[in-house]
PDB file of N, CA and C in Angstrom:
ATOM      1  N   UNK A   1      72.674 180.161 140.815  1.00  0.00           N
ATOM      2  CA  UNK A   1      74.068 180.251 139.518  1.00  0.00           C
ATOM      3  C   UNK A   1      74.584 179.147 139.858  1.00  0.00           C
ATOM      4  N   UNK A   2      75.357 178.569 138.711  1.00  0.00           N
ATOM      5  CA  UNK A   2      75.826 177.410 138.722  1.00  0.00           C
ATOM      6  C   UNK A   2      77.283 177.865 138.689  1.00  0.00           C
ATOM      7  N   UNK A   3      78.321 176.963 139.405  1.00  0.00           N
ATOM      8  CA  UNK A   3      80.087 177.145 139.142  1.00  0.00           C
ATOM      9  C   UNK A   3      80.343 176.090 138.659  1.00  0.00           C
ATOM     10  N   UNK A   4      81.508 176.702 137.891  1.00  0.00           N
ATOM     11  CA  UNK A   4      82.632 174.892 137.553  1.00  0.00           C
ATOM     12  C   UNK A   4      83.591 174.978 138.547  1.00  0.00           C
ATOM     13  N   UNK A   5      84.143 173.640 138.900  1.00  0.00           N
ATOM     14  CA  UNK A   5      84.830 173.594 139.949  1.00  0.00           C
ATOM     15  C   UNK A   5      86.016 172.867 139.691  1.00  0.00           C
ATOM     16  N   UNK A   6      86.971 173.137 140.503  1.00  0.00           N
ATOM     17  CA  UNK A   6      88.279 171.797 140.011  1.00  0.00           C
ATOM     18  C   UNK A   6      89.170 172.181 141.349  1.00  0.00           C
ATOM     19  N   UNK A   7      89.361 170.715 141.963  1.00  0.00           N
ATOM     20  CA  UNK A   7      90.170 170.431 142.922  1.00  0.00           C
ATOM     21  C   UNK A   7      91.904 170.671 142.619  1.00  0.00           C
ATOM     22  N   UNK A   8      92.663 171.643 142.977  1.00  0.00           N
ATOM     23  CA  UNK A   8      94.058 171.863 142.899  1.00  0.00           C
ATOM     24  C   UNK A   8      94.668 171.413 143.989  1.00  0.00           C
ATOM     25  N   UNK A   9      95.850 170.379 143.829  1.00  0.00           N
ATOM     26  CA  UNK A   9      96.657 169.574 144.697  1.00  0.00           C
ATOM     27  C   UNK A   9      98.045 170.122 144.629  1.00  0.00           C
ATOM     28  N   UNK A  10      98.396 170.780 145.580  1.00  0.00           N
ATOM     29  CA  UNK A  10      99.540 171.186 145.643  1.00  0.00           C
ATOM     30  C   UNK A  10      99.870 172.851 145.853  1.00  0.00           C
ATOM     31  N   UNK A  11     101.051 173.251 145.782  1.00  0.00           N
ATOM     32  CA  UNK A  11     101.119 175.049 146.101  1.00  0.00           C
ATOM     33  C   UNK A  11     100.285 175.878 145.328  1.00  0.00           C
ATOM     34  N   UNK A  12      99.680 177.034 146.224  1.00  0.00           N
ATOM     35  CA  UNK A  12      98.890 177.657 145.322  1.00  0.00           C
ATOM     36  C   UNK A  12      99.619 178.322 144.224  1.00  0.00           C
ATOM     37  N   UNK A  13     101.187 178.679 144.450  1.00  0.00           N
ATOM     38  CA  UNK A  13     101.912 179.462 143.741  1.00  0.00           C
ATOM     39  C   UNK A  13     102.024 178.637 142.254  1.00  0.00           C
ATOM     40  N   UNK A  14     101.726 177.300 142.228  1.00  0.00           N
ATOM     41  CA  UNK A  14     101.696 176.789 140.711  1.00  0.00           C
ATOM     42  C   UNK A  14     100.058 176.016 140.754  1.00  0.00           C
ATOM     43  N   UNK A  15      99.151 176.950 140.642  1.00  0.00           N
ATOM     44  CA  UNK A  15      97.585 176.726 140.347  1.00  0.00           C
ATOM     45  C   UNK A  15      97.491 176.928 138.931  1.00  0.00           C
ATOM     46  N   UNK A  16      98.216 177.878 138.403  1.00  0.00           N
ATOM     47  CA  UNK A  16      97.910 178.582 136.781  1.00  0.00           C
ATOM     48  C   UNK A  16      97.760 177.206 136.018  1.00  0.00           C
ATOM     49  N   UNK A  17      98.179 176.029 135.839  1.00  0.00           N
ATOM     50  CA  UNK A  17      97.663 175.230 134.923  1.00  0.00           C
ATOM     51  C   UNK A  17      96.407 174.860 135.377  1.00  0.00           C
ATOM     52  N   UNK A  18      96.017 174.632 136.665  1.00  0.00           N
ATOM     53  CA  UNK A  18      94.597 173.957 136.907  1.00  0.00           C
ATOM     54  C   UNK A  18      93.722 175.162 136.625  1.00  0.00           C
ATOM     55  N   UNK A  19      94.089 176.450 136.767  1.00  0.00           N
ATOM     56  CA  UNK A  19      92.888 177.761 136.310  1.00  0.00           C
ATOM     57  C   UNK A  19      92.824 177.692 134.736  1.00  0.00           C
ATOM     58  N   UNK A  20      93.759 177.549 134.100  1.00  0.00           N
ATOM     59  CA  UNK A  20      93.793 177.321 132.575  1.00  0.00           C
ATOM     60  C   UNK A  20      92.781 176.157 132.403  1.00  0.00           C
ATOM     61  N   UNK A  21      93.308 174.976 132.795  1.00  0.00           N
ATOM     62  CA  UNK A  21      92.533 173.579 132.613  1.00  0.00           C
ATOM     63  C   UNK A  21      90.607 174.060 132.865  1.00  0.00           C
ATOM     64  N   UNK A  22      90.435 174.864 133.939  1.00  0.00           N
ATOM     65  CA  UNK A  22      89.122 175.152 134.423  1.00  0.00           C
ATOM     66  C   UNK A  22      88.593 175.938 132.974  1.00  0.00           C
ATOM     67  N   UNK A  23      89.408 177.101 132.666  1.00  0.00           N
ATOM     68  CA  UNK A  23      88.527 177.835 131.728  1.00  0.00           C
ATOM     69  C   UNK A  23      88.531 177.144 130.534  1.00  0.00           C
ATOM     70  N   UNK A  24      89.489 176.193 130.117  1.00  0.00           N
ATOM     71  CA  UNK A  24      89.308 175.599 128.847  1.00  0.00           C
ATOM     72  C   UNK A  24      87.929 174.622 129.053  1.00  0.00           C
ATOM     73  N   UNK A  25      87.813 173.828 130.360  1.00  0.00           N
ATOM     74  CA  UNK A  25      86.618 172.923 130.178  1.00  0.00           C
ATOM     75  C   UNK A  25      85.323 174.123 130.134  1.00  0.00           C
ATOM     76  N   UNK A  26      85.138 175.208 130.909  1.00  0.00           N
ATOM     77  CA  UNK A  26      84.282 176.271 130.796  1.00  0.00           C
ATOM     78  C   UNK A  26      83.724 176.344 129.126  1.00  0.00           C
ATOM     79  N   UNK A  27      84.924 176.769 128.634  1.00  0.00           N
ATOM     80  CA  UNK A  27      84.582 177.062 127.414  1.00  0.00           C
ATOM     81  C   UNK A  27      84.367 175.770 126.269  1.00  0.00           C
ATOM     82  N   UNK A  28      84.722 174.983 126.509  1.00  0.00           N
ATOM     83  CA  UNK A  28      84.740 173.588 125.688  1.00  0.00           C
ATOM     84  C   UNK A  28      83.103 173.000 125.782  1.00  0.00           C
ATOM     85  N   UNK A  29      82.674 173.466 127.111  1.00  0.00           N
ATOM     86  CA  UNK A  29      81.457 172.687 127.368  1.00  0.00           C
ATOM     87  C   UNK A  29      80.145 173.875 127.231  1.00  0.00           C
ATOM     88  N   UNK A  30      80.634 174.969 126.616  1.00  0.00           N
ATOM     89  CA  UNK A  30      79.169 175.861 126.102  1.00  0.00           C
ATOM     90  C   UNK A  30      78.942 177.066 127.096  1.00  0.00           C
ATOM     91  N   UNK A  31      79.776 176.895 128.051  1.00  0.00           N
ATOM     92  CA  UNK A  31      79.411 178.283 129.230  1.00  0.00           C
ATOM     93  C   UNK A  31      80.383 179.176 129.025  1.00  0.00           C
ATOM     94  N   UNK A  32      80.190 180.132 129.765  1.00  0.00           N
ATOM     95  CA  UNK A  32      80.956 181.381 130.205  1.00  0.00           C
ATOM     96  C   UNK A  32      80.984 181.769 131.468  1.00  0.00           C
ATOM     97  N   UNK A  33      81.997 182.725 131.789  1.00  0.00           N
ATOM     98  CA  UNK A  33      82.431 182.876 133.310  1.00  0.00           C
ATOM     99  C   UNK A  33      81.028 184.236 133.462  1.00  0.00           C
ATOM    100  N   UNK A  34      80.768 184.107 134.616  1.00  0.00           N
ATOM    101  CA  UNK A  34      79.827 185.259 135.060  1.00  0.00           C
ATOM    102  C   UNK A  34      80.238 185.960 136.388  1.00  0.00           C
ATOM    103  N   UNK A  35      81.414 185.938 136.453  1.00  0.00           N
ATOM    104  CA  UNK A  35      81.887 187.017 137.776  1.00  0.00           C
ATOM    105  C   UNK A  35      83.174 186.550 138.409  1.00  0.00           C
ATOM    106  N   UNK A  36      83.832 186.859 139.229  1.00  0.00           N
ATOM    107  CA  UNK A  36      84.887 186.575 139.904  1.00  0.00           C
ATOM    108  C   UNK A  36      85.129 185.283 140.708  1.00  0.00           C
ATOM    109  N   UNK A  37      85.965 184.603 140.150  1.00  0.00           N
ATOM    110  CA  UNK A  37      86.418 183.334 140.729  1.00  0.00           C
ATOM    111  C   UNK A  37      86.624 183.476 141.980  1.00  0.00           C
ATOM    112  N   UNK A  38      86.986 182.310 142.671  1.00  0.00           N
ATOM    113  CA  UNK A  38      87.515 182.256 144.319  1.00  0.00           C
ATOM    114  C   UNK A  38      88.008 180.862 144.291  1.00  0.00           C
ATOM    115  N   UNK A  39      89.022 180.952 145.331  1.00  0.00           N
ATOM    116  CA  UNK A  39      89.627 179.893 146.073  1.00  0.00           C
ATOM    117  C   UNK A  39      89.376 179.575 147.475  1.00  0.00           C
ATOM    118  N   UNK A  40      88.929 178.332 147.584  1.00  0.00           N
ATOM    119  CA  UNK A  40      88.689 177.573 148.980  1.00  0.00           C
ATOM    120  C   UNK A  40      89.536 176.973 149.295  1.00  0.00           C
ATOM    121  N   UNK A  41      90.434 177.302 150.501  1.00  0.00           N
ATOM    122  CA  UNK A  41      91.669 176.476 150.978  1.00  0.00           C
ATOM    123  C   UNK A  41      90.691 175.145 151.379  1.00  0.00           C
ATOM    124  N   UNK A  42      90.883 173.810 151.312  1.00  0.00           N
ATOM    125  CA  UNK A  42      90.374 172.768 151.857  1.00  0.00           C
ATOM    126  C   UNK A  42      91.376 172.095 152.777  1.00  0.00           C
ATOM    127  N   UNK A  43      92.377 172.277 152.970  1.00  0.00           N
ATOM    128  CA  UNK A  43      93.467 171.694 153.686  1.00  0.00           C
ATOM    129  C   UNK A  43      94.776 172.209 153.654  1.00  0.00           C
ATOM    130  N   UNK A  44      95.643 172.152 154.673  1.00  0.00           N
ATOM    131  CA  UNK A  44      96.618 172.525 154.710  1.00  0.00           C
ATOM    132  C   UNK A  44      97.579 173.664 153.934  1.00  0.00           C
ATOM    133  N   UNK A  45      97.061 175.279 154.006  1.00  0.00           N
ATOM    134  CA  UNK A  45      97.526 176.094 152.899  1.00  0.00           C
ATOM    135  C   UNK A  45      99.431 176.187 153.029  1.00  0.00           C
ATOM    136  N   UNK A  46      99.960 175.597 154.165  1.00  0.00           N
ATOM    137  CA  UNK A  46     101.312 176.107 154.453  1.00  0.00           C
ATOM    138  C   UNK A  46     102.052 174.892 154.053  1.00  0.00           C
ATOM    139  N   UNK A  47     101.282 173.675 153.810  1.00  0.00           N
ATOM    140  CA  UNK A  47     101.986 172.279 153.522  1.00  0.00           C
ATOM    141  C   UNK A  47     102.600 172.071 152.259  1.00  0.00           C
ATOM    142  N   UNK A  48     102.781 173.092 151.258  1.00  0.00           N
ATOM    143  CA  UNK A  48     102.987 172.942 149.892  1.00  0.00           C
ATOM    144  C   UNK A  48     102.650 171.631 148.975  1.00  0.00           C
ATOM    145  N   UNK A  49     103.272 170.699 148.696  1.00  0.00           N
ATOM    146  CA  UNK A  49     102.854 169.946 147.739  1.00  0.00           C
ATOM    147  C   UNK A  49     101.542 168.928 148.545  1.00  0.00           C
ATOM    148  N   UNK A  50     101.258 169.131 149.676  1.00  0.00           N
ATOM    149  CA  UNK A  50     100.122 168.870 150.256  1.00  0.00           C
ATOM    150  C   UNK A  50      98.819 169.544 150.489  1.00  0.00           C
ATOM    151  N   UNK A  51      99.007 170.809 149.927  1.00  0.00           N
ATOM    152  CA  UNK A  51      98.103 171.919 150.181  1.00  0.00           C
ATOM    153  C   UNK A  51      97.024 171.331 149.168  1.00  0.00           C
ATOM    154  N   UNK A  52      95.462 171.580 149.520  1.00  0.00           N
ATOM    155  CA  UNK A  52      94.372 171.092 148.514  1.00  0.00           C
ATOM    156  C   UNK A  52      93.287 172.320 148.412  1.00  0.00           C
ATOM    157  N   UNK A  53      93.191 172.994 147.355  1.00  0.00           N
ATOM    158  CA  UNK A  53      92.470 174.087 146.972  1.00  0.00           C
ATOM    159  C   UNK A  53      91.363 173.958 146.059  1.00  0.00           C
ATOM    160  N   UNK A  54      90.259 174.218 146.271  1.00  0.00           N
ATOM    161  CA  UNK A  54      89.060 174.241 145.410  1.00  0.00           C
ATOM    162  C   UNK A  54      88.948 175.423 144.627  1.00  0.00           C
ATOM    163  N   UNK A  55      89.191 175.554 143.285  1.00  0.00           N
ATOM    164  CA  UNK A  55      88.624 176.659 142.559  1.00  0.00           C
ATOM    165  C   UNK A  55      87.310 176.612 142.045  1.00  0.00           C
ATOM    166  N   UNK A  56      86.618 177.934 142.081  1.00  0.00           N
ATOM    167  CA  UNK A  56      85.310 177.811 141.986  1.00  0.00           C
ATOM    168  C   UNK A  56      84.999 179.163 140.740  1.00  0.00           C
ATOM    169  N   UNK A  57      84.357 178.910 139.854  1.00  0.00           N
ATOM    170  CA  UNK A  57      84.082 180.098 138.661  1.00  0.00           C
ATOM    171  C   UNK A  57      82.551 179.937 138.556  1.00  0.00           C
ATOM    172  N   UNK A  58      82.055 181.159 138.828  1.00  0.00           N
ATOM    173  CA  UNK A  58      80.708 180.793 138.551  1.00  0.00           C
ATOM    174  C   UNK A  58      80.279 181.312 136.783  1.00  0.00           C
ATOM    175  N   UNK A  59      79.457 180.081 136.366  1.00  0.00           N
ATOM    176  CA  UNK A  59      79.427 180.437 134.864  1.00  0.00           C
ATOM    177  C   UNK A  59      77.821 180.138 134.793  1.00  0.00           C
ATOM    178  N   UNK A  60      77.535 180.596 133.486  1.00  0.00           N
ATOM    179  CA  UNK A  60      75.968 180.297 132.855  1.00  0.00           C
ATOM    180  C   UNK A  60      76.360 179.870 131.586  1.00  0.00           C
ATOM    181  N   UNK A  61      75.376 179.194 131.008  1.00  0.00           N
ATOM    182  CA  UNK A  61      75.271 178.700 129.846  1.00  0.00           C
ATOM    183  C   UNK A  61      75.243 179.831 128.518  1.00  0.00           C
ATOM    184  N   UNK A  62      76.502 179.819 127.611  1.00  0.00           N
ATOM    185  CA  UNK A  62      76.087 180.583 126.238  1.00  0.00           C
ATOM    186  C   UNK A  62      74.608 180.388 125.653  1.00  0.00           C
ATOM    187  N   UNK A  63      74.501 181.602 125.602  1.00  0.00           N
ATOM    188  CA  UNK A  63      73.060 181.589 124.458  1.00  0.00           C
ATOM    189  C   UNK A  63      73.455 181.444 123.021  1.00  0.00           C
ATOM    190  N   UNK A  64      73.043 180.539 122.303  1.00  0.00           N
ATOM    191  CA  UNK A  64      73.218 180.104 120.937  1.00  0.00           C
ATOM    192  C   UNK A  64      71.797 180.068 120.043  1.00  0.00           C
ATOM    193  N   UNK A  65      71.964 181.108 118.968  1.00  0.00           N
ATOM    194  CA  UNK A  65      70.770 181.174 118.275  1.00  0.00           C
ATOM    195  C   UNK A  65      70.463 179.701 117.834  1.00  0.00           C
ATOM    196  N   UNK A  66      69.071 179.239 117.771  1.00  0.00           N
ATOM    197  CA  UNK A  66      68.890 178.180 117.151  1.00  0.00           C
ATOM    198  C   UNK A  66      69.597 177.965 115.762  1.00  0.00           C
ATOM    199  N   UNK A  67      69.991 176.798 115.445  1.00  0.00           N
ATOM    200  CA  UNK A  67      70.696 176.345 114.218  1.00  0.00           C
ATOM    201  C   UNK A  67      71.987 177.064 114.037  1.00  0.00           C
ATOM    202  N   UNK A  68      72.614 177.363 115.243  1.00  0.00           N
ATOM    203  CA  UNK A  68      73.884 177.593 114.853  1.00  0.00           C
ATOM    204  C   UNK A  68      74.624 176.895 116.078  1.00  0.00           C
ATOM    205  N   UNK A  69      76.026 176.883 115.845  1.00  0.00           N
ATOM    206  CA  UNK A  69      76.929 176.169 116.618  1.00  0.00           C
ATOM    207  C   UNK A  69      77.330 177.333 117.835  1.00  0.00           C
ATOM    208  N   UNK A  70      77.780 176.698 118.628  1.00  0.00           N
ATOM    209  CA  UNK A  70      78.172 177.852 120.041  1.00  0.00           C
ATOM    210  C   UNK A  70      79.852 178.233 119.411  1.00  0.00           C
TER     211      UNK A  70
END
């Protein structure tokens, strides 16, 4: 399975704009979400502005009928 990922730098409680950006990318590039997303802490979860979290969303290509736009 494929996943769309994005690295968020900063506090986890300020990750909503990053989550929204990832969702927009998924939609704009012809994919659909395939299950629950997850967040992987890459460094320093208690460091506020220095925290780094990878957002991961399982995806699949949207099926498009030949001759039609997504």
